[in-house]
PDB file of N, CA and C in Angstrom:
ATOM      1  N   MET A   1     111.602  19.279 116.792  1.00  0.00           N
ATOM      2  CA  MET A   1     110.988  20.278 115.926  1.00  0.00           C
ATOM      3  C   MET A   1     109.536  20.469 116.346  1.00  0.00           C
ATOM      4  N   ALA A   2     109.144  21.703 116.471  1.00  0.00           N
ATOM      5  CA  ALA A   2     107.758  22.036 116.827  1.00  0.00           C
ATOM      6  C   ALA A   2     106.915  22.108 115.556  1.00  0.00           C
ATOM      7  N   THR A   3     105.614  22.056 115.729  1.00  0.00           N
ATOM      8  CA  THR A   3     104.703  22.220 114.600  1.00  0.00           C
ATOM      9  C   THR A   3     103.661  23.270 114.948  1.00  0.00           C
ATOM     10  N   CYS A   4     103.152  23.945 113.918  1.00  0.00           N
ATOM     11  CA  CYS A   4     102.101  24.945 114.101  1.00  0.00           C
ATOM     12  C   CYS A   4     100.838  24.237 114.569  1.00  0.00           C
ATOM     13  N   SER A   5     100.230  24.732 115.629  1.00  0.00           N
ATOM     14  CA  SER A   5      99.023  24.091 116.167  1.00  0.00           C
ATOM     15  C   SER A   5      97.823  24.289 115.248  1.00  0.00           C
ATOM     16  N   SER A   6      97.932  25.191 114.289  1.00  0.00           N
ATOM     17  CA  SER A   6      96.817  25.462 113.391  1.00  0.00           C
ATOM     18  C   SER A   6      96.929  24.722 112.063  1.00  0.00           C
ATOM     19  N   CYS A   7      98.096  24.816 111.403  1.00  0.00           N
ATOM     20  CA  CYS A   7      98.232  24.204 110.076  1.00  0.00           C
ATOM     21  C   CYS A   7      99.108  22.959 110.066  1.00  0.00           C
ATOM     22  N   GLY A   8      99.836  22.700 111.154  1.00  0.00           N
ATOM     23  CA  GLY A   8     100.662  21.499 111.246  1.00  0.00           C
ATOM     24  C   GLY A   8     102.040  21.615 110.612  1.00  0.00           C
ATOM     25  N   ALA A   9     102.392  22.778 110.061  1.00  0.00           N
ATOM     26  CA  ALA A   9     103.696  22.964 109.430  1.00  0.00           C
ATOM     27  C   ALA A   9     104.804  22.959 110.488  1.00  0.00           C
ATOM     28  N   PRO A  10     105.990  22.447 110.128  1.00  0.00           N
ATOM     29  CA  PRO A  10     107.119  22.509 111.061  1.00  0.00           C
ATOM     30  C   PRO A  10     107.564  23.957 111.264  1.00  0.00           C
ATOM     31  N   ILE A  11     107.803  24.330 112.505  1.00  0.00           N
ATOM     32  CA  ILE A  11     108.232  25.694 112.826  1.00  0.00           C
ATOM     33  C   ILE A  11     109.404  25.666 113.802  1.00  0.00           C
ATOM     34  N   VAL A  12     110.097  26.785 113.869  1.00  0.00           N
ATOM     35  CA  VAL A  12     111.193  27.004 114.801  1.00  0.00           C
ATOM     36  C   VAL A  12     110.810  28.229 115.616  1.00  0.00           C
ATOM     37  N   TRP A  13     110.956  28.149 116.926  1.00  0.00           N
ATOM     38  CA  TRP A  13     110.645  29.293 117.787  1.00  0.00           C
ATOM     39  C   TRP A  13     111.915  30.076 118.081  1.00  0.00           C
ATOM     40  N   VAL A  14     111.848  31.409 117.991  1.00  0.00           N
ATOM     41  CA  VAL A  14     112.970  32.275 118.369  1.00  0.00           C
ATOM     42  C   VAL A  14     112.450  33.362 119.304  1.00  0.00           C
ATOM     43  N   LYS A  15     113.357  33.884 120.097  1.00  0.00           N
ATOM     44  CA  LYS A  15     113.013  35.002 120.978  1.00  0.00           C
ATOM     45  C   LYS A  15     113.459  36.290 120.291  1.00  0.00           C
ATOM     46  N   THR A  16     112.550  37.253 120.169  1.00  0.00           N
ATOM     47  CA  THR A  16     112.873  38.534 119.547  1.00  0.00           C
ATOM     48  C   THR A  16     113.695  39.377 120.518  1.00  0.00           C
ATOM     49  N   PRO A  17     114.308  40.454 120.029  1.00  0.00           N
ATOM     50  CA  PRO A  17     115.054  41.340 120.935  1.00  0.00           C
ATOM     51  C   PRO A  17     114.182  41.922 122.059  1.00  0.00           C
ATOM     52  N   LEU A  18     112.864  41.961 121.854  1.00  0.00           N
ATOM     53  CA  LEU A  18     111.959  42.453 122.903  1.00  0.00           C
ATOM     54  C   LEU A  18     111.514  41.344 123.858  1.00  0.00           C
ATOM     55  N   GLY A  19     112.047  40.124 123.672  1.00  0.00           N
ATOM     56  CA  GLY A  19     111.749  39.027 124.577  1.00  0.00           C
ATOM     57  C   GLY A  19     110.493  38.236 124.249  1.00  0.00           C
ATOM     58  N   LYS A  20     109.858  38.507 123.116  1.00  0.00           N
ATOM     59  CA  LYS A  20     108.649  37.764 122.706  1.00  0.00           C
ATOM     60  C   LYS A  20     109.052  36.559 121.866  1.00  0.00           C
ATOM     61  N   MET A  21     108.290  35.490 121.980  1.00  0.00           N
ATOM     62  CA  MET A  21     108.552  34.300 121.175  1.00  0.00           C
ATOM     63  C   MET A  21     107.845  34.435 119.827  1.00  0.00           C
ATOM     64  N   MET A  22     108.550  34.077 118.748  1.00  0.00           N
ATOM     65  CA  MET A  22     108.011  34.218 117.399  1.00  0.00           C
ATOM     66  C   MET A  22     108.224  32.913 116.633  1.00  0.00           C
ATOM     67  N   PRO A  23     107.166  32.415 115.960  1.00  0.00           N
ATOM     68  CA  PRO A  23     107.325  31.196 115.157  1.00  0.00           C
ATOM     69  C   PRO A  23     107.868  31.536 113.774  1.00  0.00           C
ATOM     70  N   LEU A  24     108.859  30.766 113.331  1.00  0.00           N
ATOM     71  CA  LEU A  24     109.435  30.922 111.997  1.00  0.00           C
ATOM     72  C   LEU A  24     109.250  29.629 111.221  1.00  0.00           C
ATOM     73  N   ASP A  25     109.179  29.747 109.902  1.00  0.00           N
ATOM     74  CA  ASP A  25     109.153  28.549 109.069  1.00  0.00           C
ATOM     75  C   ASP A  25     110.476  27.809 109.233  1.00  0.00           C
ATOM     76  N   GLU A  26     110.432  26.506 109.087  1.00  0.00           N
ATOM     77  CA  GLU A  26     111.624  25.677 109.265  1.00  0.00           C
ATOM     78  C   GLU A  26     112.682  25.953 108.196  1.00  0.00           C
ATOM     79  N   LYS A  27     112.250  26.194 106.967  1.00  0.00           N
ATOM     80  CA  LYS A  27     113.163  26.316 105.841  1.00  0.00           C
ATOM     81  C   LYS A  27     114.024  27.575 105.912  1.00  0.00           C
ATOM     82  N   LEU A  28     115.333  27.402 105.739  1.00  0.00           N
ATOM     83  CA  LEU A  28     116.251  28.533 105.652  1.00  0.00           C
ATOM     84  C   LEU A  28     116.222  29.082 104.233  1.00  0.00           C
ATOM     85  N   ILE A  29     116.290  30.415 104.108  1.00  0.00           N
ATOM     86  CA  ILE A  29     116.230  31.091 102.819  1.00  0.00           C
ATOM     87  C   ILE A  29     117.489  31.931 102.650  1.00  0.00           C
ATOM     88  N   ARG A  30     118.084  31.843 101.461  1.00  0.00           N
ATOM     89  CA  ARG A  30     119.290  32.623 101.151  1.00  0.00           C
ATOM     90  C   ARG A  30     118.882  34.064 100.820  1.00  0.00           C
ATOM     91  N   TYR A  31     119.642  35.032 101.349  1.00  0.00           N
ATOM     92  CA  TYR A  31     119.304  36.432 101.117  1.00  0.00           C
ATOM     93  C   TYR A  31     120.547  37.292 100.964  1.00  0.00           C
ATOM     94  N   LYS A  32     120.348  38.472 100.372  1.00  0.00           N
ATOM     95  CA  LYS A  32     121.344  39.540 100.359  1.00  0.00           C
ATOM     96  C   LYS A  32     120.722  40.708 101.091  1.00  0.00           C
ATOM     97  N   GLN A  33     121.415  41.191 102.105  1.00  0.00           N
ATOM     98  CA  GLN A  33     120.888  42.300 102.890  1.00  0.00           C
ATOM     99  C   GLN A  33     120.766  43.537 101.996  1.00  0.00           C
ATOM    100  N   ASN A  34     119.618  44.213 102.099  1.00  0.00           N
ATOM    101  CA  ASN A  34     119.348  45.410 101.304  1.00  0.00           C
ATOM    102  C   ASN A  34     118.386  46.280 102.101  1.00  0.00           C
ATOM    103  N   PRO A  35     118.821  47.446 102.571  1.00  0.00           N
ATOM    104  CA  PRO A  35     117.953  48.296 103.384  1.00  0.00           C
ATOM    105  C   PRO A  35     116.686  48.751 102.661  1.00  0.00           C
ATOM    106  N   GLU A  36     116.663  48.624 101.338  1.00  0.00           N
ATOM    107  CA  GLU A  36     115.482  48.986 100.565  1.00  0.00           C
ATOM    108  C   GLU A  36     114.831  47.760  99.922  1.00  0.00           C
ATOM    109  N   GLY A  37     115.242  46.567 100.352  1.00  0.00           N
ATOM    110  CA  GLY A  37     114.711  45.330  99.782  1.00  0.00           C
ATOM    111  C   GLY A  37     113.226  45.161 100.038  1.00  0.00           C
ATOM    112  N   LYS A  38     112.594  44.313  99.215  1.00  0.00           N
ATOM    113  CA  LYS A  38     111.147  44.127  99.349  1.00  0.00           C
ATOM    114  C   LYS A  38     110.777  42.954 100.254  1.00  0.00           C
ATOM    115  N   ASP A  39     111.752  42.169 100.667  1.00  0.00           N
ATOM    116  CA  ASP A  39     111.478  41.006 101.510  1.00  0.00           C
ATOM    117  C   ASP A  39     111.969  41.237 102.930  1.00  0.00           C
ATOM    118  N   PHE A  40     111.319  40.543 103.866  1.00  0.00           N
ATOM    119  CA  PHE A  40     111.712  40.590 105.273  1.00  0.00           C
ATOM    120  C   PHE A  40     111.879  39.157 105.761  1.00  0.00           C
ATOM    121  N   LEU A  41     113.027  38.851 106.358  1.00  0.00           N
ATOM    122  CA  LEU A  41     113.271  37.551 106.973  1.00  0.00           C
ATOM    123  C   LEU A  41     113.635  37.803 108.432  1.00  0.00           C
ATOM    124  N   VAL A  42     113.749  36.724 109.200  1.00  0.00           N
ATOM    125  CA  VAL A  42     114.065  36.837 110.618  1.00  0.00           C
ATOM    126  C   VAL A  42     115.257  35.928 110.922  1.00  0.00           C
ATOM    127  N   SER A  43     116.250  36.476 111.606  1.00  0.00           N
ATOM    128  CA  SER A  43     117.433  35.697 111.976  1.00  0.00           C
ATOM    129  C   SER A  43     117.104  34.744 113.116  1.00  0.00           C
ATOM    130  N   ASP A  44     118.003  33.822 113.388  1.00  0.00           N
ATOM    131  CA  ASP A  44     117.807  32.893 114.503  1.00  0.00           C
ATOM    132  C   ASP A  44     117.936  33.592 115.851  1.00  0.00           C
ATOM    133  N   ARG A  45     118.335  34.881 115.842  1.00  0.00           N
ATOM    134  CA  ARG A  45     118.352  35.689 117.068  1.00  0.00           C
ATOM    135  C   ARG A  45     117.093  36.537 117.180  1.00  0.00           C
ATOM    136  N   GLY A  46     116.151  36.365 116.219  1.00  0.00           N
ATOM    137  CA  GLY A  46     114.887  37.087 116.269  1.00  0.00           C
ATOM    138  C   GLY A  46     114.932  38.486 115.691  1.00  0.00           C
ATOM    139  N   GLU A  47     116.007  38.821 114.984  1.00  0.00           N
ATOM    140  CA  GLU A  47     116.142  40.154 114.400  1.00  0.00           C
ATOM    141  C   GLU A  47     115.582  40.167 112.984  1.00  0.00           C
ATOM    142  N   THR A  48     114.829  41.204 112.641  1.00  0.00           N
ATOM    143  CA  THR A  48     114.261  41.347 111.303  1.00  0.00           C
ATOM    144  C   THR A  48     115.331  41.828 110.337  1.00  0.00           C
ATOM    145  N   ILE A  49     115.362  41.209 109.163  1.00  0.00           N
ATOM    146  CA  ILE A  49     116.344  41.537 108.129  1.00  0.00           C
ATOM    147  C   ILE A  49     115.586  41.969 106.878  1.00  0.00           C
ATOM    148  N   ARG A  50     115.824  43.189 106.429  1.00  0.00           N
ATOM    149  CA  ARG A  50     115.236  43.630 105.160  1.00  0.00           C
ATOM    150  C   ARG A  50     116.218  43.231 104.066  1.00  0.00           C
ATOM    151  N   CYS A  51     115.709  42.573 103.030  1.00  0.00           N
ATOM    152  CA  CYS A  51     116.618  41.953 102.087  1.00  0.00           C
ATOM    153  C   CYS A  51     115.979  41.670 100.733  1.00  0.00           C
ATOM    154  N   ASP A  52     116.805  41.122  99.845  1.00  0.00           N
ATOM    155  CA  ASP A  52     116.362  40.548  98.584  1.00  0.00           C
ATOM    156  C   ASP A  52     116.709  39.071  98.647  1.00  0.00           C
ATOM    157  N   LEU A  53     115.824  38.222  98.168  1.00  0.00           N
ATOM    158  CA  LEU A  53     116.093  36.788  98.151  1.00  0.00           C
ATOM    159  C   LEU A  53     117.113  36.478  97.077  1.00  0.00           C
ATOM    160  N   VAL A  54     117.966  35.484  97.339  1.00  0.00           N
ATOM    161  CA  VAL A  54     119.030  35.105  96.406  1.00  0.00           C
ATOM    162  C   VAL A  54     118.745  33.708  95.879  1.00  0.00           C
ATOM    163  N   PHE A  55     118.646  33.605  94.570  1.00  0.00           N
ATOM    164  CA  PHE A  55     118.397  32.301  93.951  1.00  0.00           C
ATOM    165  C   PHE A  55     119.645  31.754  93.279  1.00  0.00           C
ATOM    166  N   ASP A  56     120.588  32.628  92.941  1.00  0.00           N
ATOM    167  CA  ASP A  56     121.895  32.205  92.443  1.00  0.00           C
ATOM    168  C   ASP A  56     122.902  33.265  92.868  1.00  0.00           C
ATOM    169  N   GLY A  57     124.159  32.894  92.942  1.00  0.00           N
ATOM    170  CA  GLY A  57     125.171  33.812  93.439  1.00  0.00           C
ATOM    171  C   GLY A  57     125.356  33.664  94.940  1.00  0.00           C
ATOM    172  N   LEU A  58     126.238  34.477  95.484  1.00  0.00           N
ATOM    173  CA  LEU A  58     126.569  34.387  96.903  1.00  0.00           C
ATOM    174  C   LEU A  58     125.601  35.204  97.756  1.00  0.00           C
ATOM    175  N   PRO A  59     125.022  34.570  98.771  1.00  0.00           N
ATOM    176  CA  PRO A  59     124.133  35.303  99.678  1.00  0.00           C
ATOM    177  C   PRO A  59     124.923  36.002 100.784  1.00  0.00           C
ATOM    178  N   THR A  60     124.303  36.985 101.421  1.00  0.00           N
ATOM    179  CA  THR A  60     124.854  37.600 102.625  1.00  0.00           C
ATOM    180  C   THR A  60     124.713  36.614 103.783  1.00  0.00           C
ATOM    181  N   GLY A  61     123.613  35.869 103.773  1.00  0.00           N
ATOM    182  CA  GLY A  61     123.364  34.915 104.839  1.00  0.00           C
ATOM    183  C   GLY A  61     122.114  34.104 104.573  1.00  0.00           C
ATOM    184  N   MET A  62     121.684  33.396 105.609  1.00  0.00           N
ATOM    185  CA  MET A  62     120.478  32.584 105.527  1.00  0.00           C
ATOM    186  C   MET A  62     119.622  32.897 106.746  1.00  0.00           C
ATOM    187  N   ALA A  63     118.326  32.989 106.519  1.00  0.00           N
ATOM    188  CA  ALA A  63     117.396  33.290 107.607  1.00  0.00           C
ATOM    189  C   ALA A  63     116.061  32.624 107.288  1.00  0.00           C
ATOM    190  N   ARG A  64     115.073  32.852 108.122  1.00  0.00           N
ATOM    191  CA  ARG A  64     113.771  32.197 107.954  1.00  0.00           C
ATOM    192  C   ARG A  64     112.659  33.235 107.809  1.00  0.00           C
ATOM    193  N   ARG A  65     111.556  32.801 107.225  1.00  0.00           N
ATOM    194  CA  ARG A  65     110.375  33.656 107.070  1.00  0.00           C
ATOM    195  C   ARG A  65     109.493  33.484 108.309  1.00  0.00           C
ATOM    196  N   SER A  66     108.896  34.565 108.767  1.00  0.00           N
ATOM    197  CA  SER A  66     107.955  34.495 109.880  1.00  0.00           C
ATOM    198  C   SER A  66     106.805  33.568 109.491  1.00  0.00           C
ATOM    199  N   HIS A  67     106.409  32.682 110.381  1.00  0.00           N
ATOM    200  CA  HIS A  67     105.310  31.778 110.063  1.00  0.00           C
ATOM    201  C   HIS A  67     103.982  32.530 109.986  1.00  0.00           C
ATOM    202  N   PHE A  68     103.909  33.723 110.564  1.00  0.00           N
ATOM    203  CA  PHE A  68     102.694  34.536 110.450  1.00  0.00           C
ATOM    204  C   PHE A  68     102.446  34.927 108.992  1.00  0.00           C
ATOM    205  N   VAL A  69     103.497  34.968 108.175  1.00  0.00           N
ATOM    206  CA  VAL A  69     103.372  35.322 106.761  1.00  0.00           C
ATOM    207  C   VAL A  69     102.848  34.145 105.941  1.00  0.00           C
ATOM    208  N   THR A  70     103.229  32.931 106.289  1.00  0.00           N
ATOM    209  CA  THR A  70     102.910  31.766 105.454  1.00  0.00           C
ATOM    210  C   THR A  70     101.766  30.900 105.971  1.00  0.00           C
ATOM    211  N   CYS A  71     101.403  31.021 107.231  1.00  0.00           N
ATOM    212  CA  CYS A  71     100.346  30.175 107.791  1.00  0.00           C
ATOM    213  C   CYS A  71      98.982  30.572 107.212  1.00  0.00           C
ATOM    214  N   PRO A  72      98.249  29.617 106.669  1.00  0.00           N
ATOM    215  CA  PRO A  72      96.933  29.939 106.109  1.00  0.00           C
ATOM    216  C   PRO A  72      95.922  30.370 107.184  1.00  0.00           C
ATOM    217  N   ASN A  73      96.231  30.119 108.444  1.00  0.00           N
ATOM    218  CA  ASN A  73      95.313  30.452 109.535  1.00  0.00           C
ATOM    219  C   ASN A  73      95.875  31.523 110.464  1.00  0.00           C
ATOM    220  N   ALA A  74      96.814  32.330 109.996  1.00  0.00           N
ATOM    221  CA  ALA A  74      97.493  33.311 110.851  1.00  0.00           C
ATOM    222  C   ALA A  74      96.526  34.299 111.493  1.00  0.00           C
ATOM    223  N   GLU A  75      95.473  34.661 110.783  1.00  0.00           N
ATOM    224  CA  GLU A  75      94.509  35.640 111.310  1.00  0.00           C
ATOM    225  C   GLU A  75      93.921  35.184 112.648  1.00  0.00           C
ATOM    226  N   LYS A  76      93.807  33.886 112.817  1.00  0.00           N
ATOM    227  CA  LYS A  76      93.258  33.304 114.041  1.00  0.00           C
ATOM    228  C   LYS A  76      94.112  33.651 115.275  1.00  0.00           C
ATOM    229  N   PHE A  77      95.401  33.922 115.057  1.00  0.00           N
ATOM    230  CA  PHE A  77      96.318  34.176 116.167  1.00  0.00           C
ATOM    231  C   PHE A  77      96.623  35.652 116.383  1.00  0.00           C
ATOM    232  N   ARG A  78      96.063  36.514 115.569  1.00  0.00           N
ATOM    233  CA  ARG A  78      96.309  37.946 115.723  1.00  0.00           C
ATOM    234  C   ARG A  78      95.602  38.450 116.981  1.00  0.00           C
ATOM    235  N   LYS A  79      96.261  39.344 117.690  1.00  0.00           N
ATOM    236  CA  LYS A  79      95.671  39.910 118.905  1.00  0.00           C
ATOM    237  C   LYS A  79      94.636  40.931 118.513  1.00  0.00           C
ATOM    238  N   ARG A  80      93.473  40.841 119.109  1.00  0.00           N
ATOM    239  CA  ARG A  80      92.374  41.754 118.818  1.00  0.00           C
ATOM    240  C   ARG A  80      92.504  43.027 119.652  1.00  0.00           C
ATOM    241  N   GLY A  81      91.989  44.121 119.124  1.00  0.00           N
ATOM    242  CA  GLY A  81      91.937  45.356 119.877  1.00  0.00           C
ATOM    243  C   GLY A  81      93.227  46.128 119.959  1.00  0.00           C
ATOM    244  N   ARG A  82      94.250  45.707 119.221  1.00  0.00           N
ATOM    245  CA  ARG A  82      95.517  46.447 119.226  1.00  0.00           C
ATOM    246  C   ARG A  82      95.405  47.609 118.259  1.00  0.00           C
ATOM    247  N   LYS A  83      95.929  48.737 118.679  1.00  0.00           N
ATOM    248  CA  LYS A  83      95.927  49.906 117.807  1.00  0.00           C
ATOM    249  C   LYS A  83      97.305  50.048 117.195  1.00  0.00           C
ATOM    250  N   ALA A  84      97.330  50.310 115.893  1.00  0.00           N
ATOM    251  CA  ALA A  84      98.604  50.445 115.187  1.00  0.00           C
ATOM    252  C   ALA A  84      99.208  51.810 115.363  1.00  0.00           C
TER     253      ALA A  84
END
Protein backbone atom coordinates (compact mmCIF):
# COMPACT_ATOMS: atom_id res chain seq x y z
CA MET A 1 0.00 0.00 0.00
CA ALA A 2 1.31 3.43 -0.94
CA THR A 3 0.95 6.54 1.19
CA CYS A 4 0.45 10.19 0.26
CA SER A 5 3.82 11.96 0.43
CA SER A 6 2.09 15.05 1.81
CA CYS A 7 -0.43 13.88 4.43
CA GLY A 8 0.63 10.25 4.96
CA ALA A 9 -2.82 8.77 4.21
CA PRO A 10 -2.94 5.33 2.55
CA ILE A 11 -3.66 5.63 -1.17
CA VAL A 12 -4.17 3.40 -4.20
CA TRP A 13 -2.79 4.42 -7.59
CA VAL A 14 -4.85 3.83 -10.76
CA LYS A 15 -4.23 4.64 -14.39
CA THR A 16 -6.93 6.80 -15.99
CA PRO A 17 -8.24 6.08 -19.50
CA LEU A 18 -5.89 8.86 -20.69
CA GLY A 19 -2.89 7.00 -19.22
CA LYS A 20 -2.27 9.36 -16.26
CA MET A 21 -1.70 8.02 -12.77
CA MET A 22 -4.24 9.17 -10.16
CA PRO A 23 -4.15 8.69 -6.37
CA LEU A 24 -7.35 7.39 -4.76
CA ASP A 25 -8.27 7.02 -1.11
CA GLU A 26 -7.87 3.46 0.15
CA LYS A 27 -11.44 3.15 1.43
CA LEU A 28 -14.06 1.68 -0.91
CA ILE A 29 -17.40 3.53 -0.95
CA ARG A 30 -20.79 2.04 -1.85
CA TYR A 31 -22.65 3.93 -4.58
CA LYS A 32 -25.64 3.90 -6.91
CA GLN A 33 -24.87 5.17 -10.38
CA ASN A 34 -26.85 8.33 -11.19
CA PRO A 35 -26.04 10.54 -14.20
CA GLU A 36 -27.35 13.52 -12.22
CA GLY A 37 -25.83 12.50 -8.87
CA LYS A 38 -23.94 15.00 -6.74
CA ASP A 39 -20.98 12.74 -5.95
CA PHE A 40 -18.07 11.60 -8.10
CA LEU A 41 -16.05 8.43 -7.42
CA VAL A 42 -13.34 6.69 -9.44
CA SER A 43 -13.32 3.01 -10.41
CA ASP A 44 -10.25 0.81 -10.10
CA ARG A 45 -9.93 1.24 -13.89
CA GLY A 46 -9.61 5.02 -13.43
CA GLU A 47 -13.06 5.85 -14.81
CA THR A 48 -15.09 8.64 -13.18
CA ILE A 49 -18.51 7.60 -11.88
CA ARG A 50 -21.23 10.16 -11.20
CA CYS A 51 -23.35 8.76 -8.43
CA ASP A 52 -25.18 8.96 -5.12
CA LEU A 53 -23.57 7.40 -2.06
CA VAL A 54 -25.41 4.42 -0.56
CA PHE A 55 -25.61 4.04 3.20
CA ASP A 56 -28.29 1.33 3.25
CA GLY A 57 -29.82 -0.83 0.55
CA LEU A 58 -28.14 -2.40 -2.45
CA PRO A 59 -25.39 -0.43 -4.20
CA THR A 60 -24.62 -0.47 -7.92
CA GLY A 61 -20.99 -0.99 -6.98
CA MET A 62 -18.04 0.16 -4.93
CA ALA A 63 -15.41 2.70 -5.90
CA ARG A 64 -12.97 5.15 -4.32
CA ARG A 65 -12.78 8.92 -3.87
CA SER A 66 -9.97 10.83 -5.58
CA HIS A 67 -7.32 11.67 -3.00
CA PHE A 68 -7.16 15.18 -4.50
CA VAL A 69 -10.61 15.73 -2.92
CA THR A 70 -9.66 14.60 0.60
CA CYS A 71 -5.98 15.51 0.98
CA PRO A 72 -5.56 18.61 3.17
CA ASN A 73 -2.51 19.56 1.08
CA ALA A 74 -3.89 18.89 -2.43
CA GLU A 75 -3.30 22.48 -3.57
CA LYS A 76 0.43 21.83 -3.26
CA PHE A 77 0.21 19.27 -6.09
CA ARG A 78 -1.94 21.24 -8.53
CA LYS A 79 -0.21 22.13 -11.79
CA ARG A 80 0.35 25.86 -12.14
CA GLY A 81 -0.39 27.81 -15.29
CA ARG A 82 -3.04 25.46 -16.66
CA LYS A 83 -5.96 27.11 -18.37
CA ALA A 84 -9.40 25.64 -17.85
